[in-house]
PDB file of N, CA and C in Angstrom:
ATOM      1  N   UNK A   1     -62.083 -27.261 -18.129  1.00  0.00           N
ATOM      2  CA  UNK A   1     -62.441 -26.120 -18.571  1.00  0.00           C
ATOM      3  C   UNK A   1     -63.461 -25.494 -18.378  1.00  0.00           C
ATOM      4  N   UNK A   2     -64.136 -26.563 -19.601  1.00  0.00           N
ATOM      5  CA  UNK A   2     -65.715 -26.798 -20.670  1.00  0.00           C
ATOM      6  C   UNK A   2     -66.973 -27.789 -20.283  1.00  0.00           C
ATOM      7  N   UNK A   3     -66.281 -28.085 -19.516  1.00  0.00           N
ATOM      8  CA  UNK A   3     -67.495 -29.427 -18.990  1.00  0.00           C
ATOM      9  C   UNK A   3     -68.792 -28.731 -18.875  1.00  0.00           C
ATOM     10  N   UNK A   4     -68.931 -28.143 -17.431  1.00  0.00           N
ATOM     11  CA  UNK A   4     -70.347 -26.733 -17.844  1.00  0.00           C
ATOM     12  C   UNK A   4     -70.903 -26.606 -19.025  1.00  0.00           C
ATOM     13  N   UNK A   5     -70.363 -25.844 -20.193  1.00  0.00           N
ATOM     14  CA  UNK A   5     -71.263 -25.785 -21.165  1.00  0.00           C
ATOM     15  C   UNK A   5     -71.210 -26.598 -22.049  1.00  0.00           C
ATOM     16  N   UNK A   6     -69.900 -28.013 -22.026  1.00  0.00           N
ATOM     17  CA  UNK A   6     -70.288 -29.366 -22.720  1.00  0.00           C
ATOM     18  C   UNK A   6     -71.396 -29.646 -22.648  1.00  0.00           C
ATOM     19  N   UNK A   7     -72.384 -29.976 -20.858  1.00  0.00           N
ATOM     20  CA  UNK A   7     -73.599 -31.280 -20.048  1.00  0.00           C
ATOM     21  C   UNK A   7     -74.372 -30.395 -19.482  1.00  0.00           C
ATOM     22  N   UNK A   8     -73.939 -28.401 -19.802  1.00  0.00           N
ATOM     23  CA  UNK A   8     -74.652 -27.521 -19.578  1.00  0.00           C
ATOM     24  C   UNK A   8     -75.681 -27.502 -18.589  1.00  0.00           C
ATOM     25  N   UNK A   9     -74.259 -28.016 -17.535  1.00  0.00           N
ATOM     26  CA  UNK A   9     -74.645 -27.534 -15.566  1.00  0.00           C
ATOM     27  C   UNK A   9     -75.908 -26.605 -15.143  1.00  0.00           C
ATOM     28  N   UNK A  10     -76.186 -26.288 -13.598  1.00  0.00           N
ATOM     29  CA  UNK A  10     -77.605 -25.615 -13.345  1.00  0.00           C
ATOM     30  C   UNK A  10     -76.038 -24.568 -13.269  1.00  0.00           C
ATOM     31  N   UNK A  11     -74.944 -24.770 -13.701  1.00  0.00           N
ATOM     32  CA  UNK A  11     -74.073 -23.484 -12.312  1.00  0.00           C
ATOM     33  C   UNK A  11     -72.959 -23.018 -13.395  1.00  0.00           C
ATOM     34  N   UNK A  12     -73.389 -22.901 -14.928  1.00  0.00           N
ATOM     35  CA  UNK A  12     -72.816 -23.194 -16.529  1.00  0.00           C
ATOM     36  C   UNK A  12     -72.252 -21.076 -16.428  1.00  0.00           C
ATOM     37  N   UNK A  13     -72.857 -20.968 -15.625  1.00  0.00           N
ATOM     38  CA  UNK A  13     -73.183 -19.022 -14.896  1.00  0.00           C
ATOM     39  C   UNK A  13     -70.906 -18.852 -14.328  1.00  0.00           C
ATOM     40  N   UNK A  14     -70.750 -19.557 -14.219  1.00  0.00           N
ATOM     41  CA  UNK A  14     -70.119 -19.907 -12.693  1.00  0.00           C
ATOM     42  C   UNK A  14     -68.782 -19.836 -14.246  1.00  0.00           C
ATOM     43  N   UNK A  15     -69.115 -20.569 -15.087  1.00  0.00           N
ATOM     44  CA  UNK A  15     -67.533 -20.462 -16.801  1.00  0.00           C
ATOM     45  C   UNK A  15     -67.754 -19.675 -16.115  1.00  0.00           C
ATOM     46  N   UNK A  16     -68.343 -18.500 -16.902  1.00  0.00           N
ATOM     47  CA  UNK A  16     -67.574 -16.874 -16.944  1.00  0.00           C
ATOM     48  C   UNK A  16     -67.173 -16.013 -15.955  1.00  0.00           C
ATOM     49  N   UNK A  17     -67.384 -16.269 -15.157  1.00  0.00           N
ATOM     50  CA  UNK A  17     -67.052 -15.814 -14.164  1.00  0.00           C
ATOM     51  C   UNK A  17     -65.726 -15.797 -13.573  1.00  0.00           C
ATOM     52  N   UNK A  18     -65.105 -17.742 -13.281  1.00  0.00           N
ATOM     53  CA  UNK A  18     -64.066 -18.126 -13.791  1.00  0.00           C
ATOM     54  C   UNK A  18     -63.139 -17.843 -14.793  1.00  0.00           C
ATOM     55  N   UNK A  19     -64.378 -17.635 -15.870  1.00  0.00           N
ATOM     56  CA  UNK A  19     -62.892 -16.480 -17.179  1.00  0.00           C
ATOM     57  C   UNK A  19     -62.996 -15.331 -16.501  1.00  0.00           C
ATOM     58  N   UNK A  20     -63.873 -14.573 -16.589  1.00  0.00           N
ATOM     59  CA  UNK A  20     -63.770 -12.467 -16.469  1.00  0.00           C
ATOM     60  C   UNK A  20     -62.825 -13.250 -15.495  1.00  0.00           C
ATOM     61  N   UNK A  21     -62.218 -14.347 -14.417  1.00  0.00           N
ATOM     62  CA  UNK A  21     -61.626 -14.313 -12.962  1.00  0.00           C
ATOM     63  C   UNK A  21     -59.808 -14.804 -13.609  1.00  0.00           C
ATOM     64  N   UNK A  22     -59.891 -15.812 -15.471  1.00  0.00           N
ATOM     65  CA  UNK A  22     -58.601 -15.616 -15.245  1.00  0.00           C
ATOM     66  C   UNK A  22     -57.911 -14.692 -15.806  1.00  0.00           C
ATOM     67  N   UNK A  23     -58.944 -13.846 -16.430  1.00  0.00           N
ATOM     68  CA  UNK A  23     -58.532 -13.056 -17.704  1.00  0.00           C
ATOM     69  C   UNK A  23     -58.216 -11.182 -16.416  1.00  0.00           C
ATOM     70  N   UNK A  24     -58.841 -11.888 -15.602  1.00  0.00           N
ATOM     71  CA  UNK A  24     -58.206 -10.471 -14.272  1.00  0.00           C
ATOM     72  C   UNK A  24     -56.839 -10.707 -14.158  1.00  0.00           C
ATOM     73  N   UNK A  25     -56.611 -11.494 -13.500  1.00  0.00           N
ATOM     74  CA  UNK A  25     -55.569 -12.099 -13.436  1.00  0.00           C
ATOM     75  C   UNK A  25     -53.755 -12.577 -14.989  1.00  0.00           C
ATOM     76  N   UNK A  26     -54.226 -12.638 -15.279  1.00  0.00           N
ATOM     77  CA  UNK A  26     -53.618 -12.604 -16.913  1.00  0.00           C
ATOM     78  C   UNK A  26     -52.900 -11.079 -16.778  1.00  0.00           C
ATOM     79  N   UNK A  27     -54.048  -9.968 -16.265  1.00  0.00           N
ATOM     80  CA  UNK A  27     -53.311  -9.022 -16.986  1.00  0.00           C
ATOM     81  C   UNK A  27     -52.766  -8.095 -15.572  1.00  0.00           C
ATOM     82  N   UNK A  28     -53.299  -8.732 -14.503  1.00  0.00           N
ATOM     83  CA  UNK A  28     -52.523  -8.254 -13.431  1.00  0.00           C
ATOM     84  C   UNK A  28     -51.238  -8.501 -13.202  1.00  0.00           C
ATOM     85  N   UNK A  29     -50.940  -9.491 -14.257  1.00  0.00           N
ATOM     86  CA  UNK A  29     -49.767 -10.249 -13.828  1.00  0.00           C
ATOM     87  C   UNK A  29     -49.454 -11.816 -13.705  1.00  0.00           C
ATOM     88  N   UNK A  30     -50.539 -12.193 -12.255  1.00  0.00           N
ATOM     89  CA  UNK A  30     -50.770 -12.687 -11.550  1.00  0.00           C
ATOM     90  C   UNK A  30     -50.423 -14.411 -12.159  1.00  0.00           C
ATOM     91  N   UNK A  31     -51.290 -14.523 -12.761  1.00  0.00           N
ATOM     92  CA  UNK A  31     -50.938 -15.651 -14.671  1.00  0.00           C
ATOM     93  C   UNK A  31     -49.975 -15.597 -15.982  1.00  0.00           C
ATOM     94  N   UNK A  32     -49.417 -15.779 -15.849  1.00  0.00           N
ATOM     95  CA  UNK A  32     -48.673 -16.422 -17.578  1.00  0.00           C
ATOM     96  C   UNK A  32     -49.377 -16.811 -18.109  1.00  0.00           C
ATOM     97  N   UNK A  33     -49.043 -15.818 -19.232  1.00  0.00           N
ATOM     98  CA  UNK A  33     -50.066 -16.648 -20.333  1.00  0.00           C
ATOM     99  C   UNK A  33     -48.606 -17.879 -21.578  1.00  0.00           C
ATOM    100  N   UNK A  34     -49.407 -18.956 -22.286  1.00  0.00           N
ATOM    101  CA  UNK A  34     -47.605 -19.941 -22.073  1.00  0.00           C
ATOM    102  C   UNK A  34     -47.800 -19.032 -24.207  1.00  0.00           C
ATOM    103  N   UNK A  35     -48.067 -18.159 -24.081  1.00  0.00           N
ATOM    104  CA  UNK A  35     -48.044 -17.254 -25.862  1.00  0.00           C
ATOM    105  C   UNK A  35     -46.854 -17.094 -25.812  1.00  0.00           C
ATOM    106  N   UNK A  36     -46.133 -17.829 -27.204  1.00  0.00           N
ATOM    107  CA  UNK A  36     -44.846 -16.971 -27.076  1.00  0.00           C
ATOM    108  C   UNK A  36     -44.327 -16.296 -28.117  1.00  0.00           C
ATOM    109  N   UNK A  37     -45.189 -16.526 -29.393  1.00  0.00           N
ATOM    110  CA  UNK A  37     -44.262 -15.759 -30.924  1.00  0.00           C
ATOM    111  C   UNK A  37     -45.630 -16.313 -31.851  1.00  0.00           C
ATOM    112  N   UNK A  38     -46.336 -15.053 -32.440  1.00  0.00           N
ATOM    113  CA  UNK A  38     -47.157 -15.252 -33.747  1.00  0.00           C
ATOM    114  C   UNK A  38     -46.588 -15.066 -34.728  1.00  0.00           C
ATOM    115  N   UNK A  39     -46.875 -16.031 -35.686  1.00  0.00           N
ATOM    116  CA  UNK A  39     -46.011 -16.160 -37.292  1.00  0.00           C
ATOM    117  C   UNK A  39     -46.438 -15.368 -37.649  1.00  0.00           C
ATOM    118  N   UNK A  40     -48.556 -14.206 -37.694  1.00  0.00           N
ATOM    119  CA  UNK A  40     -49.069 -13.504 -38.908  1.00  0.00           C
ATOM    120  C   UNK A  40     -49.712 -14.390 -39.237  1.00  0.00           C
ATOM    121  N   UNK A  41     -50.984 -13.977 -39.708  1.00  0.00           N
ATOM    122  CA  UNK A  41     -51.753 -14.346 -40.615  1.00  0.00           C
ATOM    123  C   UNK A  41     -51.185 -15.695 -41.367  1.00  0.00           C
ATOM    124  N   UNK A  42     -52.248 -16.595 -41.274  1.00  0.00           N
ATOM    125  CA  UNK A  42     -51.757 -18.284 -41.532  1.00  0.00           C
ATOM    126  C   UNK A  42     -51.637 -18.322 -43.096  1.00  0.00           C
ATOM    127  N   UNK A  43     -50.733 -18.824 -43.326  1.00  0.00           N
ATOM    128  CA  UNK A  43     -50.146 -18.793 -45.149  1.00  0.00           C
ATOM    129  C   UNK A  43     -49.496 -20.220 -45.314  1.00  0.00           C
ATOM    130  N   UNK A  44     -48.481 -20.466 -46.088  1.00  0.00           N
ATOM    131  CA  UNK A  44     -48.050 -21.198 -46.227  1.00  0.00           C
ATOM    132  C   UNK A  44     -46.495 -21.163 -45.705  1.00  0.00           C
ATOM    133  N   UNK A  45     -45.996 -20.498 -46.413  1.00  0.00           N
ATOM    134  CA  UNK A  45     -45.077 -19.731 -45.374  1.00  0.00           C
ATOM    135  C   UNK A  45     -44.614 -19.479 -43.783  1.00  0.00           C
ATOM    136  N   UNK A  46     -45.838 -18.774 -43.479  1.00  0.00           N
ATOM    137  CA  UNK A  46     -45.454 -19.137 -42.197  1.00  0.00           C
ATOM    138  C   UNK A  46     -46.521 -19.879 -40.930  1.00  0.00           C
ATOM    139  N   UNK A  47     -47.156 -21.357 -41.628  1.00  0.00           N
ATOM    140  CA  UNK A  47     -46.595 -22.499 -41.143  1.00  0.00           C
ATOM    141  C   UNK A  47     -45.539 -23.210 -41.852  1.00  0.00           C
ATOM    142  N   UNK A  48     -44.600 -23.167 -42.526  1.00  0.00           N
ATOM    143  CA  UNK A  48     -43.203 -23.415 -42.558  1.00  0.00           C
ATOM    144  C   UNK A  48     -42.728 -23.434 -41.538  1.00  0.00           C
ATOM    145  N   UNK A  49     -42.249 -22.003 -41.127  1.00  0.00           N
ATOM    146  CA  UNK A  49     -41.854 -20.896 -40.429  1.00  0.00           C
ATOM    147  C   UNK A  49     -41.982 -21.855 -38.810  1.00  0.00           C
ATOM    148  N   UNK A  50     -43.587 -21.601 -38.298  1.00  0.00           N
ATOM    149  CA  UNK A  50     -44.141 -21.857 -37.284  1.00  0.00           C
ATOM    150  C   UNK A  50     -43.343 -23.733 -36.907  1.00  0.00           C
ATOM    151  N   UNK A  51     -43.700 -24.281 -38.291  1.00  0.00           N
ATOM    152  CA  UNK A  51     -43.503 -26.028 -38.263  1.00  0.00           C
ATOM    153  C   UNK A  51     -41.920 -25.889 -37.809  1.00  0.00           C
ATOM    154  N   UNK A  52     -41.066 -25.563 -38.823  1.00  0.00           N
ATOM    155  CA  UNK A  52     -39.513 -25.183 -38.324  1.00  0.00           C
ATOM    156  C   UNK A  52     -38.620 -25.101 -36.886  1.00  0.00           C
ATOM    157  N   UNK A  53     -39.851 -23.920 -36.715  1.00  0.00           N
ATOM    158  CA  UNK A  53     -39.967 -23.526 -35.436  1.00  0.00           C
ATOM    159  C   UNK A  53     -39.462 -25.480 -34.088  1.00  0.00           C
ATOM    160  N   UNK A  54     -40.472 -25.207 -34.046  1.00  0.00           N
ATOM    161  CA  UNK A  54     -41.189 -26.513 -33.404  1.00  0.00           C
ATOM    162  C   UNK A  54     -39.862 -27.645 -33.681  1.00  0.00           C
ATOM    163  N   UNK A  55     -40.053 -28.446 -34.815  1.00  0.00           N
ATOM    164  CA  UNK A  55     -39.111 -29.169 -35.102  1.00  0.00           C
ATOM    165  C   UNK A  55     -37.407 -28.871 -34.495  1.00  0.00           C
ATOM    166  N   UNK A  56     -37.090 -27.719 -35.101  1.00  0.00           N
ATOM    167  CA  UNK A  56     -35.925 -27.412 -34.161  1.00  0.00           C
ATOM    168  C   UNK A  56     -35.914 -27.557 -32.793  1.00  0.00           C
ATOM    169  N   UNK A  57     -37.002 -27.701 -31.660  1.00  0.00           N
ATOM    170  CA  UNK A  57     -36.920 -28.281 -30.299  1.00  0.00           C
ATOM    171  C   UNK A  57     -36.496 -26.966 -29.570  1.00  0.00           C
ATOM    172  N   UNK A  58     -36.296 -25.780 -30.126  1.00  0.00           N
ATOM    173  CA  UNK A  58     -35.695 -23.979 -29.500  1.00  0.00           C
ATOM    174  C   UNK A  58     -37.569 -23.436 -29.152  1.00  0.00           C
ATOM    175  N   UNK A  59     -38.397 -24.063 -29.685  1.00  0.00           N
ATOM    176  CA  UNK A  59     -40.107 -23.630 -28.997  1.00  0.00           C
ATOM    177  C   UNK A  59     -39.920 -23.832 -27.842  1.00  0.00           C
ATOM    178  N   UNK A  60     -40.571 -22.921 -27.273  1.00  0.00           N
ATOM    179  CA  UNK A  60     -40.861 -22.623 -25.763  1.00  0.00           C
ATOM    180  C   UNK A  60     -42.187 -21.882 -26.017  1.00  0.00           C
ATOM    181  N   UNK A  61     -43.469 -22.016 -25.657  1.00  0.00           N
ATOM    182  CA  UNK A  61     -44.986 -21.854 -25.232  1.00  0.00           C
ATOM    183  C   UNK A  61     -45.568 -21.892 -26.389  1.00  0.00           C
ATOM    184  N   UNK A  62     -46.383 -21.493 -26.586  1.00  0.00           N
ATOM    185  CA  UNK A  62     -47.145 -21.477 -27.998  1.00  0.00           C
ATOM    186  C   UNK A  62     -46.925 -20.803 -28.964  1.00  0.00           C
ATOM    187  N   UNK A  63     -46.979 -20.896 -30.048  1.00  0.00           N
ATOM    188  CA  UNK A  63     -47.156 -20.174 -31.930  1.00  0.00           C
ATOM    189  C   UNK A  63     -48.292 -20.037 -31.759  1.00  0.00           C
ATOM    190  N   UNK A  64     -48.342 -18.994 -33.441  1.00  0.00           N
ATOM    191  CA  UNK A  64     -49.753 -18.873 -32.858  1.00  0.00           C
ATOM    192  C   UNK A  64     -49.768 -18.637 -34.512  1.00  0.00           C
ATOM    193  N   UNK A  65     -50.818 -18.539 -35.125  1.00  0.00           N
ATOM    194  CA  UNK A  65     -50.945 -18.336 -36.716  1.00  0.00           C
ATOM    195  C   UNK A  65     -52.330 -17.892 -36.736  1.00  0.00           C
ATOM    196  N   UNK A  66     -52.433 -17.132 -37.283  1.00  0.00           N
ATOM    197  CA  UNK A  66     -53.750 -16.185 -36.454  1.00  0.00           C
ATOM    198  C   UNK A  66     -55.171 -16.028 -38.625  1.00  0.00           C
ATOM    199  N   UNK A  67     -56.053 -16.225 -38.157  1.00  0.00           N
ATOM    200  CA  UNK A  67     -56.672 -15.339 -39.791  1.00  0.00           C
ATOM    201  C   UNK A  67     -57.412 -16.870 -39.975  1.00  0.00           C
ATOM    202  N   UNK A  68     -58.011 -17.855 -39.362  1.00  0.00           N
ATOM    203  CA  UNK A  68     -58.706 -18.908 -39.889  1.00  0.00           C
ATOM    204  C   UNK A  68     -59.685 -19.036 -39.593  1.00  0.00           C
ATOM    205  N   UNK A  69     -60.321 -19.237 -41.254  1.00  0.00           N
ATOM    206  CA  UNK A  69     -61.711 -19.205 -41.532  1.00  0.00           C
ATOM    207  C   UNK A  69     -62.425 -20.412 -41.749  1.00  0.00           C
TER     208      UNK A  69
END
């Protein structure tokens, strides 16, 4: 997905067009994200919760922890 920007290809502007199109398709429901759950801000407790879900084998999709700085 990011080959153009990594290698500064002549058609690098195409990357923005592609990302905009993907965004549009997600918004209209043609593409579905793999987002499943958000456990809020990164903390030891939330990290343990996320890890426990992954270890349980019941996790489906991406688990999000926010606030990385």
